[in-house]
Amino acid sequence: MQRKNCSEDKDKTKESKNRKQKDKEVKHSYIYIKVRHGWAWSIALLLGLSILVGCDAENIISTRFPCSFYFNPKLHPGTSIETALNNVGNYTFISVKNDGIWHIYSTLNDGRNITEDIKITTDRTEGWDNRIKTHALGANNGIIIGLTNFQGKVAWDRQCPNCINQYGGTSYPLELNGVRQSVVCKKCERTYSLETGAITEGTKGDPLMGYGISYKGLGFPVSVGN
């Protein structure tokens, strides 16, 4: 009988040790999972912040040259300006001139190389909201606006920022290079993406100078500036 009790005590002790060992393994496993998930969240957070910082870096508004453009398409419907802002991958080159009346010149990147002349001839009857509110249009009277695939609406200066940095002056216009969503500087041969403003071919350097753009949809005013 005594021998039987000893055997039972040994079994209970062994069972207790096994339970403690399992509890210890479960605890370690729980800690491991928590640590692993903690690292995963940390890495995800860091990646998220990196993406946000990257987006902010690409979307910095340049204040190097004054830029202010305003146009009321409600009073001039069907222009190439609204075509560019309502169709993904479309961009238009804009400049302005005053020879007694204001002209807005707009050239789409549709390969036809047709420049639309939008005459602002009735400022007094159309009111202040329809005027171009400034003579300054970036580095040298030229901006590019349009609708990107992933970044929404954008506005870029038409001059090459790197040639301005290197050579001085402000006459280094960017031209279409046969690819609708990029432009090239003939002086330095850099190619820039109209999607992000970044250099895609050529020597490293600054991205395109960007400006803020506001446009809510068909018939709403277009405003570009810094």
C-alpha atoms as a PDB file:
ATOM      1  CA  MET A   1       0.000   0.000   0.000  1.00  0.00           C
ATOM      2  CA  GLN A   2       2.813   2.335   0.935  1.00  0.00           C
ATOM      3  CA  ARG A   3       4.598   1.460  -2.283  1.00  0.00           C
ATOM      4  CA  LYS A   4       1.458   2.334  -4.223  1.00  0.00           C
ATOM      5  CA  ASN A   5       1.156   5.722  -2.521  1.00  0.00           C
ATOM      6  CA  CYS A   6       4.780   6.514  -3.349  1.00  0.00           C
ATOM      7  CA  SER A   7       4.126   5.651  -6.973  1.00  0.00           C
ATOM      8  CA  GLU A   8       1.086   7.922  -7.033  1.00  0.00           C
ATOM      9  CA  ASP A   9       3.079  10.767  -5.437  1.00  0.00           C
ATOM     10  CA  LYS A  10       5.762  10.397  -8.086  1.00  0.00           C
ATOM     11  CA  ASP A  11       3.144  10.517 -10.847  1.00  0.00           C
ATOM     12  CA  LYS A  12       1.596  13.643  -9.355  1.00  0.00           C
ATOM     13  CA  THR A  13       5.009  15.319  -9.053  1.00  0.00           C
ATOM     14  CA  LYS A  14       5.820  14.429 -12.652  1.00  0.00           C
ATOM     15  CA  GLU A  15       2.427  15.678 -13.823  1.00  0.00           C
ATOM     16  CA  SER A  16       2.951  18.947 -11.909  1.00  0.00           C
ATOM     17  CA  LYS A  17       6.380  19.451 -13.492  1.00  0.00           C
ATOM     18  CA  ASN A  18       4.957  18.805 -16.966  1.00  0.00           C
ATOM     19  CA  ARG A  19       2.139  21.319 -16.356  1.00  0.00           C
ATOM     20  CA  LYS A  20       4.624  23.957 -15.197  1.00  0.00           C
ATOM     21  CA  GLN A  21       6.803  23.292 -18.209  1.00  0.00           C
ATOM     22  CA  LYS A  22       3.817  23.680 -20.563  1.00  0.00           C
ATOM     23  CA  ASP A  23       2.744  26.866 -18.780  1.00  0.00           C
ATOM     24  CA  LYS A  24       6.271  28.199 -19.173  1.00  0.00           C
ATOM     25  CA  GLU A  25       6.304  27.341 -22.877  1.00  0.00           C
ATOM     26  CA  VAL A  26       2.916  28.972 -23.401  1.00  0.00           C
ATOM     27  CA  LYS A  27       4.109  32.100 -21.586  1.00  0.00           C
ATOM     28  CA  HIS A  28       7.277  32.274 -23.678  1.00  0.00           C
ATOM     29  CA  SER A  29       5.253  31.715 -26.826  1.00  0.00           C
ATOM     30  CA  TYR A  30       2.882  34.545 -25.830  1.00  0.00           C
ATOM     31  CA  ILE A  31       5.793  36.869 -25.136  1.00  0.00           C
ATOM     32  CA  TYR A  32       7.376  35.934 -28.465  1.00  0.00           C
ATOM     33  CA  ILE A  33       4.166  36.613 -30.343  1.00  0.00           C
ATOM     34  CA  LYS A  34       3.717  39.951 -28.583  1.00  0.00           C
ATOM     35  CA  VAL A  35       7.301  40.975 -29.344  1.00  0.00           C
ATOM     36  CA  ARG A  36       7.015  39.824 -32.926  1.00  0.00           C
ATOM     37  CA  HIS A  37       3.753  41.717 -33.405  1.00  0.00           C
ATOM     38  CA  GLY A  38       5.273  44.727 -31.703  1.00  0.00           C
ATOM     39  CA  TRP A  39       8.161  44.722 -34.156  1.00  0.00           C
ATOM     40  CA  ALA A  40       5.743  44.268 -37.036  1.00  0.00           C
ATOM     41  CA  TRP A  41       3.708  47.286 -35.931  1.00  0.00           C
ATOM     42  CA  SER A  42       6.864  49.321 -35.426  1.00  0.00           C
ATOM     43  CA  ILE A  43       8.146  48.480 -38.880  1.00  0.00           C
ATOM     44  CA  ALA A  44       4.731  49.244 -40.419  1.00  0.00           C
ATOM     45  CA  LEU A  45       4.629  52.569 -38.596  1.00  0.00           C
ATOM     46  CA  LEU A  46       8.125  53.494 -39.754  1.00  0.00           C
ATOM     47  CA  LEU A  47       7.260  52.585 -43.341  1.00  0.00           C
ATOM     48  CA  GLY A  48       4.084  54.635 -43.134  1.00  0.00           C
ATOM     49  CA  LEU A  49       5.957  57.650 -41.836  1.00  0.00           C
ATOM     50  CA  SER A  50       8.584  57.232 -44.537  1.00  0.00           C
ATOM     51  CA  ILE A  51       5.883  57.215 -47.202  1.00  0.00           C
ATOM     52  CA  LEU A  52       4.253  60.307 -45.729  1.00  0.00           C
ATOM     53  CA  VAL A  53       7.563  62.120 -45.543  1.00  0.00           C
ATOM     54  CA  GLY A  54       8.282  61.085 -49.122  1.00  0.00           C
ATOM     55  CA  CYS A  55       4.920  62.401 -50.271  1.00  0.00           C
ATOM     56  CA  ASP A  56       5.449  65.666 -48.454  1.00  0.00           C
ATOM     57  CA  ALA A  57       8.896  66.011 -49.993  1.00  0.00           C
ATOM     58  CA  GLU A  58       7.464  65.611 -53.485  1.00  0.00           C
ATOM     59  CA  ASN A  59       4.628  68.052 -52.860  1.00  0.00           C
ATOM     60  CA  ILE A  60       6.533  70.994 -51.382  1.00  0.00           C
ATOM     61  CA  ILE A  61       5.286  74.256 -52.856  1.00  0.00           C
ATOM     62  CA  SER A  62       8.119  76.277 -54.351  1.00  0.00           C
ATOM     63  CA  THR A  63       8.369  79.923 -53.327  1.00  0.00           C
ATOM     64  CA  ARG A  64      11.469  80.687 -55.369  1.00  0.00           C
ATOM     65  CA  PHE A  65       9.484  82.613 -57.981  1.00  0.00           C
ATOM     66  CA  PRO A  66       6.101  84.262 -57.438  1.00  0.00           C
ATOM     67  CA  CYS A  67       3.256  82.437 -59.121  1.00  0.00           C
ATOM     68  CA  SER A  68      -0.433  83.267 -59.172  1.00  0.00           C
ATOM     69  CA  PHE A  69      -2.898  82.188 -61.833  1.00  0.00           C
ATOM     70  CA  TYR A  70      -6.694  82.425 -61.758  1.00  0.00           C
ATOM     71  CA  PHE A  71      -9.240  81.415 -64.374  1.00  0.00           C
ATOM     72  CA  ASN A  72     -13.010  81.064 -64.252  1.00  0.00           C
ATOM     73  CA  PRO A  73     -14.033  78.304 -66.691  1.00  0.00           C
ATOM     74  CA  LYS A  74     -17.709  78.836 -65.947  1.00  0.00           C
ATOM     75  CA  LEU A  75     -17.483  81.871 -68.203  1.00  0.00           C
ATOM     76  CA  HIS A  76     -15.282  80.086 -70.747  1.00  0.00           C
ATOM     77  CA  PRO A  77     -16.578  76.481 -70.922  1.00  0.00           C
ATOM     78  CA  GLY A  78     -14.947  73.700 -72.875  1.00  0.00           C
ATOM     79  CA  THR A  79     -11.343  74.941 -72.778  1.00  0.00           C
ATOM     80  CA  SER A  80      -8.237  72.796 -72.911  1.00  0.00           C
ATOM     81  CA  ILE A  81      -7.521  73.869 -69.318  1.00  0.00           C
ATOM     82  CA  GLU A  82     -10.503  71.888 -68.057  1.00  0.00           C
ATOM     83  CA  THR A  83      -9.717  69.046 -70.443  1.00  0.00           C
ATOM     84  CA  ALA A  84      -6.347  68.655 -68.735  1.00  0.00           C
ATOM     85  CA  LEU A  85      -7.780  68.827 -65.223  1.00  0.00           C
ATOM     86  CA  ASN A  86     -10.540  66.270 -65.803  1.00  0.00           C
ATOM     87  CA  ASN A  87      -8.692  63.533 -67.688  1.00  0.00           C
ATOM     88  CA  VAL A  88      -5.987  61.387 -66.109  1.00  0.00           C
ATOM     89  CA  GLY A  89      -2.616  61.714 -67.830  1.00  0.00           C
ATOM     90  CA  ASN A  90      -3.533  65.006 -69.506  1.00  0.00           C
ATOM     91  CA  TYR A  91      -1.502  68.170 -68.983  1.00  0.00           C
ATOM     92  CA  THR A  92      -1.487  71.610 -70.524  1.00  0.00           C
ATOM     93  CA  PHE A  93       1.218  74.252 -70.849  1.00  0.00           C
ATOM     94  CA  ILE A  94      -0.073  77.666 -69.820  1.00  0.00           C
ATOM     95  CA  SER A  95       1.275  81.171 -70.378  1.00  0.00           C
ATOM     96  CA  VAL A  96      -0.384  84.599 -70.307  1.00  0.00           C
ATOM     97  CA  LYS A  97      -0.034  87.878 -72.189  1.00  0.00           C
ATOM     98  CA  ASN A  98      -1.604  91.314 -72.081  1.00  0.00           C
ATOM     99  CA  ASP A  99      -1.692  93.350 -75.307  1.00  0.00           C
ATOM    100  CA  GLY A 100      -4.579  95.525 -74.272  1.00  0.00           C
ATOM    101  CA  ILE A 101      -6.631  92.488 -73.271  1.00  0.00           C
ATOM    102  CA  TRP A 102      -5.560  89.387 -71.402  1.00  0.00           C
ATOM    103  CA  HIS A 103      -4.797  86.186 -73.302  1.00  0.00           C
ATOM    104  CA  ILE A 104      -4.367  82.769 -71.752  1.00  0.00           C
ATOM    105  CA  TYR A 105      -2.447  80.404 -74.008  1.00  0.00           C
ATOM    106  CA  SER A 106      -3.013  76.699 -73.353  1.00  0.00           C
ATOM    107  CA  THR A 107      -1.315  73.818 -75.180  1.00  0.00           C
ATOM    108  CA  LEU A 108      -2.377  70.248 -74.393  1.00  0.00           C
ATOM    109  CA  ASN A 109       0.033  67.305 -74.373  1.00  0.00           C
ATOM    110  CA  ASP A 110      -2.146  65.450 -76.883  1.00  0.00           C
ATOM    111  CA  GLY A 111       0.474  65.418 -79.635  1.00  0.00           C
ATOM    112  CA  ARG A 112      -1.369  67.898 -81.867  1.00  0.00           C
ATOM    113  CA  ASN A 113       0.704  70.911 -80.758  1.00  0.00           C
ATOM    114  CA  ILE A 114      -2.326  73.226 -80.941  1.00  0.00           C
ATOM    115  CA  THR A 115      -2.266  76.307 -78.713  1.00  0.00           C
ATOM    116  CA  GLU A 116      -5.651  77.608 -77.621  1.00  0.00           C
ATOM    117  CA  ASP A 117      -5.957  81.390 -77.252  1.00  0.00           C
ATOM    118  CA  ILE A 118      -8.479  82.171 -74.518  1.00  0.00           C
ATOM    119  CA  LYS A 119      -9.280  85.876 -74.687  1.00  0.00           C
ATOM    120  CA  ILE A 120     -10.420  87.582 -71.518  1.00  0.00           C
ATOM    121  CA  THR A 121     -12.239  90.435 -73.211  1.00  0.00           C
ATOM    122  CA  THR A 122     -15.075  91.296 -70.843  1.00  0.00           C
ATOM    123  CA  ASP A 123     -13.449  91.812 -67.443  1.00  0.00           C
ATOM    124  CA  ARG A 124     -15.858  94.566 -66.484  1.00  0.00           C
ATOM    125  CA  THR A 125     -18.993  92.596 -67.208  1.00  0.00           C
ATOM    126  CA  GLU A 126     -17.607  89.238 -66.082  1.00  0.00           C
ATOM    127  CA  GLY A 127     -16.322  90.661 -62.817  1.00  0.00           C
ATOM    128  CA  TRP A 128     -13.101  90.354 -60.833  1.00  0.00           C
ATOM    129  CA  ASP A 129     -13.398  86.596 -60.395  1.00  0.00           C
ATOM    130  CA  ASN A 130     -12.703  86.071 -64.085  1.00  0.00           C
ATOM    131  CA  ARG A 131      -9.466  88.056 -64.183  1.00  0.00           C
ATOM    132  CA  ILE A 132      -5.993  86.739 -64.135  1.00  0.00           C
ATOM    133  CA  LYS A 133      -5.039  88.205 -60.802  1.00  0.00           C
ATOM    134  CA  THR A 134      -1.346  88.604 -61.437  1.00  0.00           C
ATOM    135  CA  HIS A 135       1.355  89.194 -64.029  1.00  0.00           C
ATOM    136  CA  ALA A 136       3.674  86.654 -62.379  1.00  0.00           C
ATOM    137  CA  LEU A 137       3.473  83.096 -63.634  1.00  0.00           C
ATOM    138  CA  GLY A 138       6.478  81.374 -62.122  1.00  0.00           C
ATOM    139  CA  ALA A 139      10.073  81.702 -63.261  1.00  0.00           C
ATOM    140  CA  ASN A 140       9.292  82.824 -66.798  1.00  0.00           C
ATOM    141  CA  ASN A 141       5.580  83.064 -67.573  1.00  0.00           C
ATOM    142  CA  GLY A 142       4.907  79.367 -67.837  1.00  0.00           C
ATOM    143  CA  ILE A 143       3.254  76.611 -65.816  1.00  0.00           C
ATOM    144  CA  ILE A 144       2.145  73.045 -66.534  1.00  0.00           C
ATOM    145  CA  ILE A 145      -1.051  71.775 -64.938  1.00  0.00           C
ATOM    146  CA  GLY A 146      -2.888  68.491 -65.202  1.00  0.00           C
ATOM    147  CA  LEU A 147      -4.305  65.373 -63.602  1.00  0.00           C
ATOM    148  CA  THR A 148      -1.900  62.612 -62.595  1.00  0.00           C
ATOM    149  CA  ASN A 149      -2.592  58.911 -62.187  1.00  0.00           C
ATOM    150  CA  PHE A 150      -1.947  58.769 -58.442  1.00  0.00           C
ATOM    151  CA  GLN A 151      -1.111  62.262 -57.125  1.00  0.00           C
ATOM    152  CA  GLY A 152      -4.277  64.087 -58.148  1.00  0.00           C
ATOM    153  CA  LYS A 153      -4.041  67.540 -59.726  1.00  0.00           C
ATOM    154  CA  VAL A 154      -0.578  69.096 -60.029  1.00  0.00           C
ATOM    155  CA  ALA A 155       0.996  72.348 -61.148  1.00  0.00           C
ATOM    156  CA  TRP A 156       4.649  72.672 -62.153  1.00  0.00           C
ATOM    157  CA  ASP A 157       6.840  75.525 -63.284  1.00  0.00           C
ATOM    158  CA  ARG A 158       7.759  75.146 -66.939  1.00  0.00           C
ATOM    159  CA  GLN A 159      11.411  76.080 -66.465  1.00  0.00           C
ATOM    160  CA  CYS A 160      14.182  73.593 -65.665  1.00  0.00           C
ATOM    161  CA  PRO A 161      15.196  74.241 -62.034  1.00  0.00           C
ATOM    162  CA  ASN A 162      18.632  72.698 -62.433  1.00  0.00           C
ATOM    163  CA  CYS A 163      19.648  74.863 -65.382  1.00  0.00           C
ATOM    164  CA  ILE A 164      18.477  77.921 -63.453  1.00  0.00           C
ATOM    165  CA  ASN A 165      20.726  76.787 -60.593  1.00  0.00           C
ATOM    166  CA  GLN A 166      23.713  76.073 -62.802  1.00  0.00           C
ATOM    167  CA  TYR A 167      23.625  78.786 -65.441  1.00  0.00           C
ATOM    168  CA  GLY A 168      21.463  81.555 -63.994  1.00  0.00           C
ATOM    169  CA  GLY A 169      18.646  83.254 -65.849  1.00  0.00           C
ATOM    170  CA  THR A 170      15.194  81.762 -66.268  1.00  0.00           C
ATOM    171  CA  SER A 171      14.889  80.753 -69.913  1.00  0.00           C
ATOM    172  CA  TYR A 172      15.182  76.949 -69.946  1.00  0.00           C
ATOM    173  CA  PRO A 173      11.702  75.828 -71.039  1.00  0.00           C
ATOM    174  CA  LEU A 174      10.671  72.213 -70.648  1.00  0.00           C
ATOM    175  CA  GLU A 175       9.222  70.495 -73.691  1.00  0.00           C
ATOM    176  CA  LEU A 176       7.305  67.308 -74.331  1.00  0.00           C
ATOM    177  CA  ASN A 177       9.616  64.475 -75.354  1.00  0.00           C
ATOM    178  CA  GLY A 178       7.125  62.239 -77.115  1.00  0.00           C
ATOM    179  CA  VAL A 179       5.980  60.663 -73.858  1.00  0.00           C
ATOM    180  CA  ARG A 180       2.802  62.388 -72.732  1.00  0.00           C
ATOM    181  CA  GLN A 181       3.584  62.250 -69.029  1.00  0.00           C
ATOM    182  CA  SER A 182       7.124  63.574 -69.008  1.00  0.00           C
ATOM    183  CA  VAL A 183       9.037  66.639 -70.180  1.00  0.00           C
ATOM    184  CA  VAL A 184      12.651  67.215 -71.164  1.00  0.00           C
ATOM    185  CA  CYS A 185      15.070  70.126 -70.893  1.00  0.00           C
ATOM    186  CA  LYS A 186      17.018  70.503 -74.131  1.00  0.00           C
ATOM    187  CA  LYS A 187      19.809  72.350 -72.320  1.00  0.00           C
ATOM    188  CA  CYS A 188      20.767  69.720 -69.726  1.00  0.00           C
ATOM    189  CA  GLU A 189      18.873  66.766 -71.286  1.00  0.00           C
ATOM    190  CA  ARG A 190      17.208  65.852 -68.004  1.00  0.00           C
ATOM    191  CA  THR A 191      13.780  64.229 -68.239  1.00  0.00           C
ATOM    192  CA  TYR A 192      11.190  64.968 -65.552  1.00  0.00           C
ATOM    193  CA  SER A 193       8.040  63.058 -64.641  1.00  0.00           C
ATOM    194  CA  LEU A 194       4.859  65.136 -64.728  1.00  0.00           C
ATOM    195  CA  GLU A 195       3.382  62.624 -62.277  1.00  0.00           C
ATOM    196  CA  THR A 196       5.826  63.368 -59.446  1.00  0.00           C
ATOM    197  CA  GLY A 197       8.148  66.101 -60.697  1.00  0.00           C
ATOM    198  CA  ALA A 198      11.156  63.817 -60.177  1.00  0.00           C
ATOM    199  CA  ILE A 199      14.052  63.359 -62.598  1.00  0.00           C
ATOM    200  CA  THR A 200      13.634  60.082 -64.489  1.00  0.00           C
ATOM    201  CA  GLU A 201      16.585  60.378 -66.886  1.00  0.00           C
ATOM    202  CA  GLY A 202      19.807  62.358 -66.777  1.00  0.00           C
ATOM    203  CA  THR A 203      22.028  63.803 -64.082  1.00  0.00           C
ATOM    204  CA  LYS A 204      20.692  63.882 -60.539  1.00  0.00           C
ATOM    205  CA  GLY A 205      19.362  67.202 -59.311  1.00  0.00           C
ATOM    206  CA  ASP A 206      16.321  69.065 -58.050  1.00  0.00           C
ATOM    207  CA  PRO A 207      12.773  68.016 -58.996  1.00  0.00           C
ATOM    208  CA  LEU A 208      10.406  70.353 -60.800  1.00  0.00           C
ATOM    209  CA  MET A 209       9.273  73.442 -58.935  1.00  0.00           C
ATOM    210  CA  GLY A 210       5.720  72.769 -57.799  1.00  0.00           C
ATOM    211  CA  TYR A 211       2.837  75.105 -57.013  1.00  0.00           C
ATOM    212  CA  GLY A 212      -0.440  74.687 -55.186  1.00  0.00           C
ATOM    213  CA  ILE A 213      -3.513  74.098 -57.310  1.00  0.00           C
ATOM    214  CA  SER A 214      -7.203  74.330 -56.475  1.00  0.00           C
ATOM    215  CA  TYR A 215      -9.989  73.082 -58.723  1.00  0.00           C
ATOM    216  CA  LYS A 216     -13.212  71.350 -57.636  1.00  0.00           C
ATOM    217  CA  GLY A 217     -14.590  70.277 -60.987  1.00  0.00           C
ATOM    218  CA  LEU A 218     -16.289  71.441 -64.172  1.00  0.00           C
ATOM    219  CA  GLY A 219     -17.240  75.099 -64.046  1.00  0.00           C
ATOM    220  CA  PHE A 220     -15.320  75.815 -60.855  1.00  0.00           C
ATOM    221  CA  PRO A 221     -12.441  78.339 -60.753  1.00  0.00           C
ATOM    222  CA  VAL A 222      -8.874  77.200 -61.365  1.00  0.00           C
ATOM    223  CA  SER A 223      -6.345  78.704 -59.005  1.00  0.00           C
ATOM    224  CA  VAL A 224      -2.588  78.101 -59.029  1.00  0.00           C
ATOM    225  CA  GLY A 225      -0.059  79.782 -56.807  1.00  0.00           C
ATOM    226  CA  ASN A 226       2.352  79.903 -53.916  1.00  0.00           C
END
